[in-house]
C-alpha atoms as a PDB file:
ATOM      1  CA  UNK A   1      97.328 106.619  60.328  1.00  0.00           C
ATOM      2  CA  UNK A   2      97.261 105.429  64.246  1.00  0.00           C
ATOM      3  CA  UNK A   3     101.072 106.370  64.632  1.00  0.00           C
ATOM      4  CA  UNK A   4     101.143 110.249  64.554  1.00  0.00           C
ATOM      5  CA  UNK A   5      98.290 110.718  66.442  1.00  0.00           C
ATOM      6  CA  UNK A   6      99.184 108.158  68.972  1.00  0.00           C
ATOM      7  CA  UNK A   7     103.081 109.748  69.012  1.00  0.00           C
ATOM      8  CA  UNK A   8     101.296 113.174  70.009  1.00  0.00           C
ATOM      9  CA  UNK A   9      98.838 111.605  72.327  1.00  0.00           C
ATOM     10  CA  UNK A  10     100.483 108.998  74.260  1.00  0.00           C
ATOM     11  CA  UNK A  11     104.450 109.818  74.311  1.00  0.00           C
ATOM     12  CA  UNK A  12     103.919 113.892  74.676  1.00  0.00           C
ATOM     13  CA  UNK A  13     101.564 113.720  77.212  1.00  0.00           C
ATOM     14  CA  UNK A  14     102.994 110.707  78.862  1.00  0.00           C
ATOM     15  CA  UNK A  15     106.080 112.764  78.980  1.00  0.00           C
ATOM     16  CA  UNK A  16     104.486 115.904  80.406  1.00  0.00           C
ATOM     17  CA  UNK A  17     102.678 113.061  83.218  1.00  0.00           C
ATOM     18  CA  UNK A  18     106.125 111.493  83.631  1.00  0.00           C
ATOM     19  CA  UNK A  19     107.612 115.157  84.587  1.00  0.00           C
ATOM     20  CA  UNK A  20     105.270 115.213  87.233  1.00  0.00           C
ATOM     21  CA  UNK A  21     106.565 112.496  88.797  1.00  0.00           C
ATOM     22  CA  UNK A  22     107.822 113.034  92.428  1.00  0.00           C
ATOM     23  CA  UNK A  23     111.252 113.005  92.778  1.00  0.00           C
ATOM     24  CA  UNK A  24     111.646 110.809  95.571  1.00  0.00           C
ATOM     25  CA  UNK A  25     109.719 108.092  92.972  1.00  0.00           C
ATOM     26  CA  UNK A  26     112.631 108.657  89.868  1.00  0.00           C
ATOM     27  CA  UNK A  27     114.417 105.657  91.143  1.00  0.00           C
ATOM     28  CA  UNK A  28     113.533 102.748  89.135  1.00  0.00           C
ATOM     29  CA  UNK A  29     114.282 100.219  92.261  1.00  0.00           C
ATOM     30  CA  UNK A  30     112.353 102.673  94.751  1.00  0.00           C
ATOM     31  CA  UNK A  31     109.175 102.779  92.788  1.00  0.00           C
ATOM     32  CA  UNK A  32     106.932  99.599  93.419  1.00  0.00           C
ATOM     33  CA  UNK A  33     104.380  98.555  90.938  1.00  0.00           C
ATOM     34  CA  UNK A  34     102.600  95.276  90.202  1.00  0.00           C
ATOM     35  CA  UNK A  35     100.925  93.880  86.853  1.00  0.00           C
ATOM     36  CA  UNK A  36      97.482  93.210  86.409  1.00  0.00           C
ATOM     37  CA  UNK A  37      95.287  91.192  84.102  1.00  0.00           C
ATOM     38  CA  UNK A  38      91.669  91.647  85.616  1.00  0.00           C
ATOM     39  CA  UNK A  39      89.016  94.285  87.081  1.00  0.00           C
ATOM     40  CA  UNK A  40      89.514  95.098  90.323  1.00  0.00           C
ATOM     41  CA  UNK A  41      87.407  97.199  92.635  1.00  0.00           C
ATOM     42  CA  UNK A  42      88.120 100.774  93.242  1.00  0.00           C
ATOM     43  CA  UNK A  43      89.456  99.790  96.983  1.00  0.00           C
ATOM     44  CA  UNK A  44      91.882  97.833  95.492  1.00  0.00           C
ATOM     45  CA  UNK A  45      93.334 100.824  93.563  1.00  0.00           C
ATOM     46  CA  UNK A  46      92.847 103.071  96.051  1.00  0.00           C
ATOM     47  CA  UNK A  47      94.835 100.576  98.465  1.00  0.00           C
ATOM     48  CA  UNK A  48      97.243  99.930  96.788  1.00  0.00           C
ATOM     49  CA  UNK A  49      97.945 104.152  96.226  1.00  0.00           C
ATOM     50  CA  UNK A  50      97.902 104.142  99.840  1.00  0.00           C
ATOM     51  CA  UNK A  51     100.212 101.668 100.483  1.00  0.00           C
ATOM     52  CA  UNK A  52     102.823 103.091  98.103  1.00  0.00           C
ATOM     53  CA  UNK A  53     103.008 101.537  94.999  1.00  0.00           C
ATOM     54  CA  UNK A  54     103.060 104.240  91.727  1.00  0.00           C
ATOM     55  CA  UNK A  55     103.599 101.825  88.983  1.00  0.00           C
ATOM     56  CA  UNK A  56     100.461  99.451  87.533  1.00  0.00           C
ATOM     57  CA  UNK A  57     100.865  97.603  84.090  1.00  0.00           C
ATOM     58  CA  UNK A  58      97.726  96.940  83.093  1.00  0.00           C
ATOM     59  CA  UNK A  59      96.698  94.045  80.244  1.00  0.00           C
ATOM     60  CA  UNK A  60      95.762  96.040  77.371  1.00  0.00           C
ATOM     61  CA  UNK A  61      95.333  92.972  74.941  1.00  0.00           C
ATOM     62  CA  UNK A  62      95.093  88.971  75.598  1.00  0.00           C
ATOM     63  CA  UNK A  63      95.644  86.166  73.087  1.00  0.00           C
ATOM     64  CA  UNK A  64      91.945  85.363  73.036  1.00  0.00           C
ATOM     65  CA  UNK A  65      92.233  82.213  71.070  1.00  0.00           C
ATOM     66  CA  UNK A  66      89.010  82.418  70.178  1.00  0.00           C
ATOM     67  CA  UNK A  67      89.369  85.439  67.975  1.00  0.00           C
ATOM     68  CA  UNK A  68      93.130  85.316  66.965  1.00  0.00           C
ATOM     69  CA  UNK A  69      94.005  87.899  69.411  1.00  0.00           C
ATOM     70  CA  UNK A  70      91.609  90.807  71.209  1.00  0.00           C
ATOM     71  CA  UNK A  71      91.739  94.030  72.937  1.00  0.00           C
ATOM     72  CA  UNK A  72      91.268  93.199  76.754  1.00  0.00           C
ATOM     73  CA  UNK A  73      87.537  93.998  77.343  1.00  0.00           C
ATOM     74  CA  UNK A  74      88.597  95.385  81.059  1.00  0.00           C
ATOM     75  CA  UNK A  75      91.849  97.660  79.343  1.00  0.00           C
ATOM     76  CA  UNK A  76      89.916 100.853  79.524  1.00  0.00           C
ATOM     77  CA  UNK A  77      87.801 100.758  83.194  1.00  0.00           C
ATOM     78  CA  UNK A  78      91.082  99.780  84.823  1.00  0.00           C
ATOM     79  CA  UNK A  79      92.960 102.776  83.782  1.00  0.00           C
ATOM     80  CA  UNK A  80      90.414 104.874  84.337  1.00  0.00           C
ATOM     81  CA  UNK A  81      90.052 103.045  87.979  1.00  0.00           C
ATOM     82  CA  UNK A  82      93.800 103.813  88.483  1.00  0.00           C
ATOM     83  CA  UNK A  83      94.004 107.068  87.492  1.00  0.00           C
ATOM     84  CA  UNK A  84      91.346 107.929  89.616  1.00  0.00           C
ATOM     85  CA  UNK A  85      92.773 106.392  92.713  1.00  0.00           C
ATOM     86  CA  UNK A  86      95.624 108.916  91.622  1.00  0.00           C
ATOM     87  CA  UNK A  87      98.214 106.635  89.701  1.00  0.00           C
ATOM     88  CA  UNK A  88      99.611 108.759  86.814  1.00  0.00           C
ATOM     89  CA  UNK A  89     102.700 106.164  86.051  1.00  0.00           C
ATOM     90  CA  UNK A  90     101.157 103.342  84.042  1.00  0.00           C
ATOM     91  CA  UNK A  91     101.887 100.883  81.731  1.00  0.00           C
ATOM     92  CA  UNK A  92     100.351  98.404  79.754  1.00  0.00           C
ATOM     93  CA  UNK A  93     101.433  94.957  78.139  1.00  0.00           C
ATOM     94  CA  UNK A  94     100.382  92.957  75.183  1.00  0.00           C
ATOM     95  CA  UNK A  95      99.936  88.995  75.663  1.00  0.00           C
ATOM     96  CA  UNK A  96      99.454  88.449  71.502  1.00  0.00           C
ATOM     97  CA  UNK A  97      98.170  85.338  70.038  1.00  0.00           C
ATOM     98  CA  UNK A  98     100.876  83.284  68.473  1.00  0.00           C
ATOM     99  CA  UNK A  99     100.844  80.304  66.483  1.00  0.00           C
ATOM    100  CA  UNK A 100      98.845  77.394  66.232  1.00  0.00           C
ATOM    101  CA  UNK A 101      95.612  77.412  68.665  1.00  0.00           C
ATOM    102  CA  UNK A 102      93.658  74.206  69.599  1.00  0.00           C
ATOM    103  CA  UNK A 103      90.392  76.376  68.883  1.00  0.00           C
ATOM    104  CA  UNK A 104      91.496  76.116  65.615  1.00  0.00           C
ATOM    105  CA  UNK A 105      91.227  79.968  64.705  1.00  0.00           C
ATOM    106  CA  UNK A 106      94.121  81.578  63.286  1.00  0.00           C
ATOM    107  CA  UNK A 107      96.227  83.928  65.412  1.00  0.00           C
ATOM    108  CA  UNK A 108      95.347  87.533  63.593  1.00  0.00           C
ATOM    109  CA  UNK A 109      98.610  88.869  61.895  1.00  0.00           C
ATOM    110  CA  UNK A 110     100.910  91.031  63.828  1.00  0.00           C
ATOM    111  CA  UNK A 111     100.276  93.984  61.863  1.00  0.00           C
ATOM    112  CA  UNK A 112      96.399  93.379  62.536  1.00  0.00           C
ATOM    113  CA  UNK A 113      97.208  92.457  66.360  1.00  0.00           C
ATOM    114  CA  UNK A 114      99.129  95.736  67.064  1.00  0.00           C
ATOM    115  CA  UNK A 115      97.081  97.594  65.282  1.00  0.00           C
ATOM    116  CA  UNK A 116      94.038  97.228  67.202  1.00  0.00           C
ATOM    117  CA  UNK A 117      95.602  97.688  70.309  1.00  0.00           C
ATOM    118  CA  UNK A 118      97.364 100.814  69.631  1.00  0.00           C
ATOM    119  CA  UNK A 119      93.913 102.135  67.677  1.00  0.00           C
ATOM    120  CA  UNK A 120      92.324 101.638  70.908  1.00  0.00           C
ATOM    121  CA  UNK A 121      94.789 103.685  73.018  1.00  0.00           C
ATOM    122  CA  UNK A 122      94.500 106.557  70.295  1.00  0.00           C
ATOM    123  CA  UNK A 123      90.944 106.251  70.554  1.00  0.00           C
ATOM    124  CA  UNK A 124      90.578 106.293  74.266  1.00  0.00           C
ATOM    125  CA  UNK A 125      93.039 108.529  74.845  1.00  0.00           C
ATOM    126  CA  UNK A 126      95.026 106.580  76.768  1.00  0.00           C
ATOM    127  CA  UNK A 127      98.419 107.713  78.522  1.00  0.00           C
ATOM    128  CA  UNK A 128     101.003 105.194  79.240  1.00  0.00           C
ATOM    129  CA  UNK A 129     104.750 105.352  79.499  1.00  0.00           C
ATOM    130  CA  UNK A 130     105.989 102.641  78.269  1.00  0.00           C
ATOM    131  CA  UNK A 131     104.137  99.282  76.467  1.00  0.00           C
ATOM    132  CA  UNK A 132     105.200  95.960  77.380  1.00  0.00           C
ATOM    133  CA  UNK A 133     105.223  92.430  75.074  1.00  0.00           C
ATOM    134  CA  UNK A 134     104.879  89.279  77.342  1.00  0.00           C
ATOM    135  CA  UNK A 135     106.742  86.765  75.992  1.00  0.00           C
ATOM    136  CA  UNK A 136     105.974  83.556  77.957  1.00  0.00           C
ATOM    137  CA  UNK A 137     104.658  79.712  76.886  1.00  0.00           C
ATOM    138  CA  UNK A 138     101.127  78.839  77.852  1.00  0.00           C
ATOM    139  CA  UNK A 139      99.622  75.255  76.735  1.00  0.00           C
ATOM    140  CA  UNK A 140      95.970  74.263  77.206  1.00  0.00           C
ATOM    141  CA  UNK A 141      93.182  76.359  76.715  1.00  0.00           C
ATOM    142  CA  UNK A 142      95.145  78.530  74.233  1.00  0.00           C
ATOM    143  CA  UNK A 143      99.060  78.339  73.156  1.00  0.00           C
ATOM    144  CA  UNK A 144     102.046  80.767  73.169  1.00  0.00           C
ATOM    145  CA  UNK A 145     105.107  80.106  71.434  1.00  0.00           C
ATOM    146  CA  UNK A 146     104.389  76.661  70.324  1.00  0.00           C
ATOM    147  CA  UNK A 147     105.628  76.459  67.225  1.00  0.00           C
ATOM    148  CA  UNK A 148     108.950  75.023  66.865  1.00  0.00           C
ATOM    149  CA  UNK A 149     112.232  76.560  68.242  1.00  0.00           C
ATOM    150  CA  UNK A 150     113.467  77.886  65.314  1.00  0.00           C
ATOM    151  CA  UNK A 151     109.876  79.434  64.301  1.00  0.00           C
ATOM    152  CA  UNK A 152     109.136  80.921  67.318  1.00  0.00           C
ATOM    153  CA  UNK A 153     111.812  82.712  66.965  1.00  0.00           C
ATOM    154  CA  UNK A 154     111.291  84.551  63.528  1.00  0.00           C
ATOM    155  CA  UNK A 155     107.939  84.734  65.147  1.00  0.00           C
ATOM    156  CA  UNK A 156     109.230  86.802  68.000  1.00  0.00           C
ATOM    157  CA  UNK A 157     112.069  88.704  65.617  1.00  0.00           C
ATOM    158  CA  UNK A 158     109.068  90.035  63.793  1.00  0.00           C
ATOM    159  CA  UNK A 159     107.234  91.050  66.380  1.00  0.00           C
ATOM    160  CA  UNK A 160     109.950  92.731  67.825  1.00  0.00           C
ATOM    161  CA  UNK A 161     110.793  94.664  64.610  1.00  0.00           C
ATOM    162  CA  UNK A 162     107.101  95.825  64.270  1.00  0.00           C
ATOM    163  CA  UNK A 163     106.904  97.221  67.757  1.00  0.00           C
ATOM    164  CA  UNK A 164     110.406  99.418  66.629  1.00  0.00           C
ATOM    165  CA  UNK A 165     108.609 100.186  63.833  1.00  0.00           C
ATOM    166  CA  UNK A 166     105.302 101.568  65.609  1.00  0.00           C
ATOM    167  CA  UNK A 167     107.774 104.521  67.446  1.00  0.00           C
ATOM    168  CA  UNK A 168     106.793 104.243  70.427  1.00  0.00           C
ATOM    169  CA  UNK A 169     108.491 102.521  73.675  1.00  0.00           C
ATOM    170  CA  UNK A 170     108.240  99.216  74.073  1.00  0.00           C
ATOM    171  CA  UNK A 171     110.015  96.652  76.372  1.00  0.00           C
ATOM    172  CA  UNK A 172     110.112  92.982  76.773  1.00  0.00           C
ATOM    173  CA  UNK A 173     108.726  90.784  79.182  1.00  0.00           C
ATOM    174  CA  UNK A 174     110.593  87.501  80.017  1.00  0.00           C
ATOM    175  CA  UNK A 175     111.388  84.663  82.182  1.00  0.00           C
ATOM    176  CA  UNK A 176     115.214  83.571  81.446  1.00  0.00           C
ATOM    177  CA  UNK A 177     113.926  80.468  82.871  1.00  0.00           C
ATOM    178  CA  UNK A 178     111.410  79.554  80.433  1.00  0.00           C
ATOM    179  CA  UNK A 179     113.604  80.861  77.404  1.00  0.00           C
ATOM    180  CA  UNK A 180     114.935  77.310  76.213  1.00  0.00           C
ATOM    181  CA  UNK A 181     111.600  76.147  75.990  1.00  0.00           C
ATOM    182  CA  UNK A 182     110.481  78.702  73.127  1.00  0.00           C
ATOM    183  CA  UNK A 183     113.899  79.405  71.541  1.00  0.00           C
ATOM    184  CA  UNK A 184     117.289  77.788  70.116  1.00  0.00           C
ATOM    185  CA  UNK A 185     119.127  78.524  73.359  1.00  0.00           C
ATOM    186  CA  UNK A 186     119.238  80.660  76.276  1.00  0.00           C
ATOM    187  CA  UNK A 187     121.214  83.357  74.144  1.00  0.00           C
ATOM    188  CA  UNK A 188     118.511  83.258  71.347  1.00  0.00           C
ATOM    189  CA  UNK A 189     118.286  87.260  70.645  1.00  0.00           C
ATOM    190  CA  UNK A 190     114.796  88.257  70.100  1.00  0.00           C
ATOM    191  CA  UNK A 191     115.352  92.187  70.557  1.00  0.00           C
ATOM    192  CA  UNK A 192     117.604  93.047  73.350  1.00  0.00           C
ATOM    193  CA  UNK A 193     118.082  96.637  72.455  1.00  0.00           C
ATOM    194  CA  UNK A 194     114.869  96.997  74.195  1.00  0.00           C
ATOM    195  CA  UNK A 195     114.228  97.120  77.906  1.00  0.00           C
ATOM    196  CA  UNK A 196     113.863  93.971  79.801  1.00  0.00           C
ATOM    197  CA  UNK A 197     111.421  93.096  82.157  1.00  0.00           C
ATOM    198  CA  UNK A 198     113.052  90.517  84.012  1.00  0.00           C
ATOM    199  CA  UNK A 199     111.259  87.774  85.696  1.00  0.00           C
ATOM    200  CA  UNK A 200     113.075  86.688  88.954  1.00  0.00           C
ATOM    201  CA  UNK A 201     110.896  85.417  91.767  1.00  0.00           C
ATOM    202  CA  UNK A 202     113.185  85.867  94.766  1.00  0.00           C
ATOM    203  CA  UNK A 203     111.209  88.301  96.666  1.00  0.00           C
ATOM    204  CA  UNK A 204     114.180  90.619  96.183  1.00  0.00           C
ATOM    205  CA  UNK A 205     112.758  94.448  95.516  1.00  0.00           C
ATOM    206  CA  UNK A 206     115.227  96.047  93.511  1.00  0.00           C
ATOM    207  CA  UNK A 207     116.159  96.228  89.508  1.00  0.00           C
ATOM    208  CA  UNK A 208     119.856  95.890  90.409  1.00  0.00           C
ATOM    209  CA  UNK A 209     119.420  92.570  92.174  1.00  0.00           C
ATOM    210  CA  UNK A 210     118.628  90.765  88.768  1.00  0.00           C
ATOM    211  CA  UNK A 211     121.264  88.320  88.180  1.00  0.00           C
ATOM    212  CA  UNK A 212     120.124  86.001  85.570  1.00  0.00           C
ATOM    213  CA  UNK A 213     119.609  87.106  82.090  1.00  0.00           C
ATOM    214  CA  UNK A 214     119.139  85.050  78.611  1.00  0.00           C
ATOM    215  CA  UNK A 215     118.865  86.520  75.276  1.00  0.00           C
ATOM    216  CA  UNK A 216     121.735  88.821  75.383  1.00  0.00           C
ATOM    217  CA  UNK A 217     120.216  91.093  77.688  1.00  0.00           C
ATOM    218  CA  UNK A 218     123.046  92.598  80.366  1.00  0.00           C
ATOM    219  CA  UNK A 219     120.768  94.561  82.489  1.00  0.00           C
ATOM    220  CA  UNK A 220     117.232  94.989  83.098  1.00  0.00           C
ATOM    221  CA  UNK A 221     114.521  97.851  83.115  1.00  0.00           C
ATOM    222  CA  UNK A 222     112.156  96.160  85.100  1.00  0.00           C
ATOM    223  CA  UNK A 223     111.846  93.221  87.728  1.00  0.00           C
ATOM    224  CA  UNK A 224     108.990  90.936  88.627  1.00  0.00           C
ATOM    225  CA  UNK A 225     110.184  89.497  92.074  1.00  0.00           C
ATOM    226  CA  UNK A 226     107.267  88.135  93.837  1.00  0.00           C
ATOM    227  CA  UNK A 227     104.388  86.605  91.477  1.00  0.00           C
ATOM    228  CA  UNK A 228     101.295  85.975  93.357  1.00  0.00           C
ATOM    229  CA  UNK A 229     101.833  88.604  95.906  1.00  0.00           C
ATOM    230  CA  UNK A 230      98.228  89.161  97.797  1.00  0.00           C
ATOM    231  CA  UNK A 231      97.806  93.304  97.298  1.00  0.00           C
ATOM    232  CA  UNK A 232      94.804  94.575  99.411  1.00  0.00           C
ATOM    233  CA  UNK A 233      93.529  90.356  99.089  1.00  0.00           C
ATOM    234  CA  UNK A 234      94.284  90.244  95.478  1.00  0.00           C
ATOM    235  CA  UNK A 235      97.005  88.001  93.861  1.00  0.00           C
ATOM    236  CA  UNK A 236      99.238  90.074  92.017  1.00  0.00           C
ATOM    237  CA  UNK A 237     102.509  90.180  90.721  1.00  0.00           C
ATOM    238  CA  UNK A 238     105.118  92.887  92.393  1.00  0.00           C
ATOM    239  CA  UNK A 239     107.499  94.273  90.584  1.00  0.00           C
ATOM    240  CA  UNK A 240     110.245  96.796  90.925  1.00  0.00           C
ATOM    241  CA  UNK A 241     111.517  99.762  88.604  1.00  0.00           C
END
């Protein structure tokens, strides 16, 4: 049900927004951005916009291992605050619940988690350019990609198949230095036909400067190059498009 409506609401509207982006910001390497996973003040959004940032990536879904995954409760407020500050070129990412959790609560199915995320976007008329799947391991309060390497690979491929089946624009966030902790080898391919948001924390802006790859990717669509960068006194991860 959501697919046709989301396609009309998100992709069509998103394309209209994209066409309004100033020409000087079209080059991805010139497009400064950051990702955010916590609510911020209105001054944060206005100050970062005035500082020349144009591409926020907002967490829209979190692993929430106590409930098997859920829409980030701050997603809509962050989106509205970004729009109010002037941002129009916005992406969103999901950090899904994957594998066995220390809470004993089973992760919701891929279909359920993805459906919740996309239904929420449709319901609240959130306009984004692209959606991202965050693929990185965590352990402790919540576990992410802590199955066997073969099971992680199979699960990641199932996720990618579901993303492609949605008909929407998706990409993969990943760090080559974490790849072999999750998958059988650095060359393990979970879906390298999707755009890569690469992590290379070398403090060098510019997507073309990415030179470490994994999973069969040979180029990046976006680059996260400064983890923990302070923007308006808030630690964020700085990125380039």
